[in-house]
Amino acid sequence: MAVPALADRSPQPRALPLREVRTRLTQLVSLAELTDTVTLVTRDGDPRPVAAIVPASAARTGAQARADAERVAAISAGWARRLEELHRQSSRRHAAELRALADALAEAWAELDRRAPAGDPALARLRAAHADLLRR
């Protein structure tokens, strides 16, 4: 089958005013079908495109891309909700573990205070190191 004489194999889509598209619609549709040419339709006198004549495969691809994007968005939203819930659970668990650790440290300091002589330099170094860790 012969390719129409107006076949433009450049990657740039051609732009035609609506008046010309009305006259050549059959030819432009055949051109899109046979050569994958995209034709942008502009209003007469306005260079901005208002519509396009594209090959059916490109239109399906666009629809599939939108469907894929919607599916990915739904999946992402589900994962985001799951991650947020895991974050909340983890925060609660870590808060409980942190309280237990603080209680254990308080008991350890109380026991050291009971057993170590007053003014012990080793105990003073331990307290300074503990205070330094708490500041970080």
N, C-alpha and C. Protein backbone atom coordinates (compact mmCIF):
# COMPACT_ATOMS: atom_id res chain seq x y z
N MET A 1 0.85 -1.17 0.00
CA MET A 1 0.00 0.00 0.00
C MET A 1 0.89 1.23 0.00
N ALA A 2 0.56 2.20 -0.76
CA ALA A 2 1.38 3.41 -0.90
C ALA A 2 1.18 4.33 0.28
N VAL A 3 2.26 4.99 0.65
CA VAL A 3 2.22 5.97 1.73
C VAL A 3 1.79 7.29 1.12
N PRO A 4 0.87 8.00 1.75
CA PRO A 4 0.41 9.28 1.19
C PRO A 4 1.57 10.23 0.97
N ALA A 5 1.42 11.10 0.00
CA ALA A 5 2.47 12.04 -0.37
C ALA A 5 2.79 13.02 0.74
N LEU A 6 1.83 13.29 1.62
CA LEU A 6 2.05 14.25 2.69
C LEU A 6 2.69 13.61 3.93
N ALA A 7 3.08 12.36 3.82
CA ALA A 7 3.65 11.67 4.98
C ALA A 7 4.90 12.39 5.46
N ASP A 8 4.86 12.82 6.69
CA ASP A 8 6.00 13.50 7.29
C ASP A 8 6.58 12.57 8.34
N ARG A 9 7.77 12.08 8.11
CA ARG A 9 8.36 11.11 9.01
C ARG A 9 9.19 11.76 10.12
N SER A 10 9.08 13.08 10.28
CA SER A 10 9.82 13.75 11.33
C SER A 10 9.16 13.47 12.68
N PRO A 11 9.96 13.46 13.76
CA PRO A 11 9.39 13.18 15.07
C PRO A 11 8.50 14.31 15.58
N GLN A 12 8.65 15.51 15.00
CA GLN A 12 7.83 16.64 15.42
C GLN A 12 6.40 16.47 14.87
N PRO A 13 5.40 16.66 15.72
CA PRO A 13 4.04 16.61 15.19
C PRO A 13 3.77 17.84 14.33
N ARG A 14 2.97 17.65 13.32
CA ARG A 14 2.60 18.76 12.46
C ARG A 14 1.41 19.46 13.11
N ALA A 15 1.31 20.77 12.91
CA ALA A 15 0.19 21.55 13.43
C ALA A 15 -0.58 22.13 12.26
N LEU A 16 -1.89 21.91 12.28
CA LEU A 16 -2.75 22.43 11.21
C LEU A 16 -3.94 23.14 11.82
N PRO A 17 -4.40 24.19 11.17
CA PRO A 17 -5.59 24.88 11.67
C PRO A 17 -6.84 24.02 11.45
N LEU A 18 -7.82 24.23 12.29
CA LEU A 18 -9.05 23.43 12.25
C LEU A 18 -9.72 23.46 10.88
N ARG A 19 -9.70 24.57 10.20
CA ARG A 19 -10.32 24.68 8.86
C ARG A 19 -9.68 23.66 7.91
N GLU A 20 -8.34 23.56 7.94
CA GLU A 20 -7.65 22.62 7.05
C GLU A 20 -7.88 21.17 7.50
N VAL A 21 -7.95 20.95 8.79
CA VAL A 21 -8.20 19.59 9.31
C VAL A 21 -9.57 19.11 8.86
N ARG A 22 -10.57 19.99 8.88
CA ARG A 22 -11.91 19.61 8.42
C ARG A 22 -11.88 19.14 6.97
N THR A 23 -11.09 19.82 6.15
CA THR A 23 -11.03 19.48 4.73
C THR A 23 -10.27 18.19 4.49
N ARG A 24 -9.25 17.92 5.30
CA ARG A 24 -8.36 16.78 5.03
C ARG A 24 -8.45 15.69 6.09
N LEU A 25 -9.55 15.62 6.84
CA LEU A 25 -9.66 14.68 7.96
C LEU A 25 -9.36 13.24 7.55
N THR A 26 -9.96 12.76 6.48
CA THR A 26 -9.73 11.39 6.05
C THR A 26 -8.26 11.14 5.77
N GLN A 27 -7.62 12.06 5.08
CA GLN A 27 -6.20 11.93 4.76
C GLN A 27 -5.36 11.94 6.04
N LEU A 28 -5.66 12.81 7.00
CA LEU A 28 -4.88 12.90 8.23
C LEU A 28 -5.05 11.65 9.10
N VAL A 29 -6.26 11.09 9.10
CA VAL A 29 -6.48 9.86 9.85
C VAL A 29 -5.68 8.71 9.22
N SER A 30 -5.70 8.62 7.90
CA SER A 30 -4.91 7.59 7.22
C SER A 30 -3.43 7.79 7.49
N LEU A 31 -2.98 9.01 7.49
CA LEU A 31 -1.59 9.32 7.76
C LEU A 31 -1.20 8.86 9.16
N ALA A 32 -2.06 9.10 10.13
CA ALA A 32 -1.79 8.66 11.50
C ALA A 32 -1.75 7.14 11.58
N GLU A 33 -2.66 6.50 10.88
CA GLU A 33 -2.74 5.04 10.90
C GLU A 33 -1.53 4.38 10.24
N LEU A 34 -1.14 4.90 9.10
CA LEU A 34 -0.08 4.25 8.32
C LEU A 34 1.33 4.63 8.73
N THR A 35 1.53 5.86 9.19
CA THR A 35 2.89 6.33 9.45
C THR A 35 3.12 6.78 10.89
N ASP A 36 2.11 6.59 11.75
CA ASP A 36 2.22 7.02 13.16
C ASP A 36 2.46 8.52 13.28
N THR A 37 1.97 9.29 12.33
CA THR A 37 2.13 10.74 12.37
C THR A 37 1.11 11.34 13.32
N VAL A 38 1.56 12.29 14.11
CA VAL A 38 0.68 13.03 15.02
C VAL A 38 0.40 14.39 14.39
N THR A 39 -0.87 14.76 14.36
CA THR A 39 -1.25 16.07 13.83
C THR A 39 -1.94 16.85 14.93
N LEU A 40 -1.38 18.01 15.26
CA LEU A 40 -2.00 18.88 16.25
C LEU A 40 -3.00 19.79 15.56
N VAL A 41 -4.14 19.96 16.18
CA VAL A 41 -5.19 20.80 15.61
C VAL A 41 -5.19 22.12 16.39
N THR A 42 -5.12 23.22 15.65
CA THR A 42 -5.14 24.54 16.27
C THR A 42 -6.39 25.27 15.82
N ARG A 43 -6.79 26.26 16.61
CA ARG A 43 -7.88 27.13 16.17
C ARG A 43 -7.33 28.03 15.07
N ASP A 44 -8.15 28.41 14.15
CA ASP A 44 -7.70 29.27 13.06
C ASP A 44 -7.14 30.57 13.63
N GLY A 45 -5.88 30.86 13.35
CA GLY A 45 -5.26 32.09 13.82
C GLY A 45 -4.61 31.98 15.19
N ASP A 46 -4.74 30.85 15.88
CA ASP A 46 -4.14 30.68 17.20
C ASP A 46 -3.18 29.50 17.13
N PRO A 47 -1.90 29.68 17.45
CA PRO A 47 -0.93 28.59 17.30
C PRO A 47 -1.00 27.52 18.39
N ARG A 48 -1.78 27.76 19.45
CA ARG A 48 -1.84 26.77 20.53
C ARG A 48 -2.71 25.59 20.12
N PRO A 49 -2.23 24.34 20.34
CA PRO A 49 -3.03 23.17 19.99
C PRO A 49 -4.25 23.01 20.90
N VAL A 50 -5.35 22.59 20.30
CA VAL A 50 -6.57 22.34 21.06
C VAL A 50 -6.98 20.87 21.01
N ALA A 51 -6.42 20.12 20.07
CA ALA A 51 -6.73 18.70 19.93
C ALA A 51 -5.60 18.06 19.13
N ALA A 52 -5.68 16.74 18.98
CA ALA A 52 -4.65 16.05 18.20
C ALA A 52 -5.27 14.83 17.52
N ILE A 53 -4.72 14.52 16.37
CA ILE A 53 -5.05 13.28 15.67
C ILE A 53 -3.83 12.39 15.86
N VAL A 54 -4.00 11.31 16.58
CA VAL A 54 -2.87 10.43 16.90
C VAL A 54 -3.20 9.01 16.47
N PRO A 55 -2.17 8.18 16.26
CA PRO A 55 -2.43 6.77 15.95
C PRO A 55 -3.16 6.11 17.12
N ALA A 56 -3.97 5.13 16.81
CA ALA A 56 -4.73 4.44 17.85
C ALA A 56 -3.81 3.82 18.90
N SER A 57 -2.65 3.32 18.46
CA SER A 57 -1.73 2.70 19.42
C SER A 57 -1.25 3.72 20.45
N ALA A 58 -1.05 4.97 20.04
CA ALA A 58 -0.63 6.01 20.97
C ALA A 58 -1.76 6.35 21.93
N ALA A 59 -2.98 6.37 21.43
CA ALA A 59 -4.13 6.66 22.30
C ALA A 59 -4.31 5.56 23.33
N ARG A 60 -4.17 4.31 22.91
CA ARG A 60 -4.27 3.20 23.86
C ARG A 60 -3.16 3.28 24.88
N THR A 61 -1.98 3.62 24.42
CA THR A 61 -0.86 3.73 25.34
C THR A 61 -1.13 4.81 26.37
N GLY A 62 -1.70 5.92 25.96
CA GLY A 62 -2.03 6.98 26.90
C GLY A 62 -3.06 6.52 27.92
N ALA A 63 -4.08 5.81 27.44
CA ALA A 63 -5.10 5.29 28.35
C ALA A 63 -4.49 4.27 29.30
N GLN A 64 -3.63 3.42 28.76
CA GLN A 64 -2.97 2.44 29.62
C GLN A 64 -2.07 3.14 30.63
N ALA A 65 -1.38 4.18 30.20
CA ALA A 65 -0.50 4.91 31.12
C ALA A 65 -1.32 5.54 32.24
N ARG A 66 -2.49 6.10 31.91
CA ARG A 66 -3.35 6.66 32.96
C ARG A 66 -3.83 5.58 33.91
N ALA A 67 -4.22 4.42 33.34
CA ALA A 67 -4.67 3.32 34.19
C ALA A 67 -3.52 2.82 35.07
N ASP A 68 -2.33 2.71 34.49
CA ASP A 68 -1.17 2.30 35.27
C ASP A 68 -0.87 3.30 36.38
N ALA A 69 -0.96 4.59 36.06
CA ALA A 69 -0.68 5.62 37.06
C ALA A 69 -1.70 5.55 38.20
N GLU A 70 -2.96 5.31 37.86
CA GLU A 70 -3.99 5.19 38.89
C GLU A 70 -3.73 3.97 39.77
N ARG A 71 -3.35 2.85 39.12
CA ARG A 71 -3.07 1.63 39.87
C ARG A 71 -1.86 1.82 40.78
N VAL A 72 -0.81 2.46 40.26
CA VAL A 72 0.38 2.72 41.07
C VAL A 72 0.04 3.65 42.23
N ALA A 73 -0.80 4.66 41.97
CA ALA A 73 -1.19 5.59 43.03
C ALA A 73 -1.97 4.85 44.13
N ALA A 74 -2.86 3.95 43.73
CA ALA A 74 -3.62 3.19 44.72
C ALA A 74 -2.71 2.28 45.54
N ILE A 75 -1.79 1.61 44.85
CA ILE A 75 -0.86 0.73 45.55
C ILE A 75 0.04 1.54 46.48
N SER A 76 0.52 2.67 45.98
CA SER A 76 1.39 3.53 46.80
C SER A 76 0.65 4.04 48.03
N ALA A 77 -0.60 4.42 47.84
CA ALA A 77 -1.39 4.90 48.98
C ALA A 77 -1.55 3.79 50.01
N GLY A 78 -1.78 2.56 49.54
CA GLY A 78 -1.90 1.43 50.46
C GLY A 78 -0.61 1.20 51.23
N TRP A 79 0.50 1.24 50.52
CA TRP A 79 1.80 1.06 51.19
C TRP A 79 2.07 2.20 52.15
N ALA A 80 1.72 3.41 51.76
CA ALA A 80 1.94 4.57 52.64
C ALA A 80 1.14 4.41 53.93
N ARG A 81 -0.13 3.96 53.82
CA ARG A 81 -0.94 3.72 55.02
C ARG A 81 -0.31 2.64 55.89
N ARG A 82 0.16 1.57 55.25
CA ARG A 82 0.77 0.46 56.00
C ARG A 82 2.05 0.92 56.70
N LEU A 83 2.88 1.68 55.98
CA LEU A 83 4.12 2.19 56.58
C LEU A 83 3.83 3.14 57.74
N GLU A 84 2.81 3.98 57.59
CA GLU A 84 2.44 4.90 58.66
C GLU A 84 1.99 4.12 59.90
N GLU A 85 1.20 3.08 59.69
CA GLU A 85 0.75 2.25 60.81
C GLU A 85 1.94 1.55 61.48
N LEU A 86 2.85 1.01 60.68
CA LEU A 86 4.04 0.39 61.26
C LEU A 86 4.89 1.39 62.02
N HIS A 87 4.96 2.62 61.50
CA HIS A 87 5.71 3.67 62.20
C HIS A 87 5.08 3.97 63.55
N ARG A 88 3.74 4.08 63.58
CA ARG A 88 3.06 4.33 64.86
C ARG A 88 3.29 3.19 65.84
N GLN A 89 3.17 1.94 65.36
CA GLN A 89 3.40 0.79 66.23
C GLN A 89 4.83 0.78 66.76
N SER A 90 5.78 1.04 65.87
CA SER A 90 7.18 1.05 66.24
C SER A 90 7.46 2.16 67.26
N SER A 91 6.87 3.33 67.04
CA SER A 91 7.06 4.44 67.98
C SER A 91 6.54 4.09 69.35
N ARG A 92 5.35 3.47 69.41
CA ARG A 92 4.79 3.06 70.71
C ARG A 92 5.69 2.03 71.38
N ARG A 93 6.15 1.05 70.58
CA ARG A 93 7.00 0.00 71.12
C ARG A 93 8.32 0.59 71.63
N HIS A 94 8.92 1.48 70.84
CA HIS A 94 10.20 2.08 71.25
C HIS A 94 10.02 2.99 72.45
N ALA A 95 8.88 3.67 72.54
CA ALA A 95 8.63 4.52 73.70
C ALA A 95 8.56 3.66 74.96
N ALA A 96 7.89 2.51 74.86
CA ALA A 96 7.80 1.60 76.00
C ALA A 96 9.18 1.06 76.36
N GLU A 97 9.96 0.69 75.36
CA GLU A 97 11.31 0.18 75.62
C GLU A 97 12.20 1.26 76.22
N LEU A 98 12.04 2.49 75.76
CA LEU A 98 12.82 3.60 76.29
C LEU A 98 12.45 3.87 77.75
N ARG A 99 11.16 3.80 78.08
CA ARG A 99 10.74 3.96 79.48
C ARG A 99 11.34 2.86 80.35
N ALA A 100 11.31 1.62 79.85
CA ALA A 100 11.88 0.50 80.61
C ALA A 100 13.37 0.69 80.82
N LEU A 101 14.06 1.16 79.81
CA LEU A 101 15.50 1.40 79.91
C LEU A 101 15.79 2.53 80.89
N ALA A 102 15.01 3.61 80.84
CA ALA A 102 15.20 4.72 81.78
C ALA A 102 14.97 4.26 83.21
N ASP A 103 13.95 3.41 83.43
CA ASP A 103 13.68 2.87 84.77
C ASP A 103 14.84 2.00 85.24
N ALA A 104 15.37 1.16 84.32
CA ALA A 104 16.49 0.30 84.69
C ALA A 104 17.73 1.14 85.02
N LEU A 105 17.98 2.20 84.27
CA LEU A 105 19.11 3.08 84.55
C LEU A 105 18.93 3.79 85.89
N ALA A 106 17.71 4.22 86.19
CA ALA A 106 17.46 4.86 87.48
C ALA A 106 17.74 3.90 88.63
N GLU A 107 17.34 2.65 88.48
CA GLU A 107 17.64 1.64 89.50
C GLU A 107 19.14 1.41 89.63
N ALA A 108 19.84 1.36 88.49
CA ALA A 108 21.29 1.15 88.51
C ALA A 108 21.99 2.31 89.20
N TRP A 109 21.57 3.55 88.90
CA TRP A 109 22.19 4.71 89.56
C TRP A 109 21.90 4.70 91.05
N ALA A 110 20.69 4.32 91.43
CA ALA A 110 20.35 4.25 92.87
C ALA A 110 21.22 3.22 93.56
N GLU A 111 21.40 2.07 92.93
CA GLU A 111 22.24 1.01 93.52
C GLU A 111 23.69 1.47 93.60
N LEU A 112 24.21 2.15 92.58
CA LEU A 112 25.59 2.66 92.61
C LEU A 112 25.75 3.70 93.73
N ASP A 113 24.73 4.56 93.89
CA ASP A 113 24.79 5.55 94.96
C ASP A 113 24.84 4.89 96.34
N ARG A 114 24.12 3.78 96.51
CA ARG A 114 24.11 3.06 97.80
C ARG A 114 25.45 2.37 98.05
N ARG A 115 26.05 1.80 97.01
CA ARG A 115 27.25 0.97 97.18
C ARG A 115 28.57 1.75 97.10
N ALA A 116 28.62 2.78 96.28
CA ALA A 116 29.89 3.50 96.08
C ALA A 116 30.07 4.55 97.18
N PRO A 117 31.30 4.74 97.59
CA PRO A 117 31.55 5.79 98.59
C PRO A 117 31.28 7.17 97.99
N ALA A 118 30.91 8.11 98.82
CA ALA A 118 30.61 9.47 98.37
C ALA A 118 31.86 10.09 97.76
N GLY A 119 31.70 10.80 96.65
CA GLY A 119 32.81 11.47 95.99
C GLY A 119 33.71 10.54 95.20
N ASP A 120 33.27 9.33 94.88
CA ASP A 120 34.08 8.38 94.11
C ASP A 120 34.33 8.94 92.71
N PRO A 121 35.63 9.12 92.27
CA PRO A 121 35.91 9.69 90.96
C PRO A 121 35.43 8.80 89.80
N ALA A 122 35.45 7.48 89.97
CA ALA A 122 34.97 6.57 88.91
C ALA A 122 33.47 6.78 88.68
N LEU A 123 32.73 6.92 89.77
CA LEU A 123 31.29 7.16 89.66
C LEU A 123 31.02 8.53 89.03
N ALA A 124 31.83 9.52 89.35
CA ALA A 124 31.68 10.85 88.75
C ALA A 124 31.92 10.78 87.25
N ARG A 125 32.92 10.01 86.81
CA ARG A 125 33.18 9.85 85.36
C ARG A 125 32.00 9.15 84.68
N LEU A 126 31.44 8.13 85.34
CA LEU A 126 30.27 7.43 84.78
C LEU A 126 29.09 8.38 84.63
N ARG A 127 28.85 9.21 85.64
CA ARG A 127 27.74 10.16 85.57
C ARG A 127 27.97 11.18 84.44
N ALA A 128 29.20 11.64 84.29
CA ALA A 128 29.52 12.60 83.23
C ALA A 128 29.32 11.97 81.85
N ALA A 129 29.76 10.71 81.70
CA ALA A 129 29.58 10.02 80.43
C ALA A 129 28.10 9.80 80.14
N HIS A 130 27.33 9.44 81.16
CA HIS A 130 25.89 9.24 80.99
C HIS A 130 25.21 10.55 80.61
N ALA A 131 25.58 11.64 81.27
CA ALA A 131 25.00 12.95 80.94
C ALA A 131 25.35 13.34 79.51
N ASP A 132 26.58 13.04 79.08
CA ASP A 132 27.00 13.34 77.70
C ASP A 132 26.17 12.55 76.70
N LEU A 133 25.91 11.29 76.99
CA LEU A 133 25.07 10.48 76.10
C LEU A 133 23.65 11.01 76.00
N LEU A 134 23.12 11.48 77.14
CA LEU A 134 21.76 12.01 77.14
C LEU A 134 21.64 13.29 76.35
N ARG A 135 22.71 14.09 76.27
CA ARG A 135 22.69 15.33 75.50
C ARG A 135 22.66 15.07 74.00
N ARG A 136 23.20 13.98 73.57
CA ARG A 136 23.25 13.67 72.13
C ARG A 136 21.93 13.25 71.68
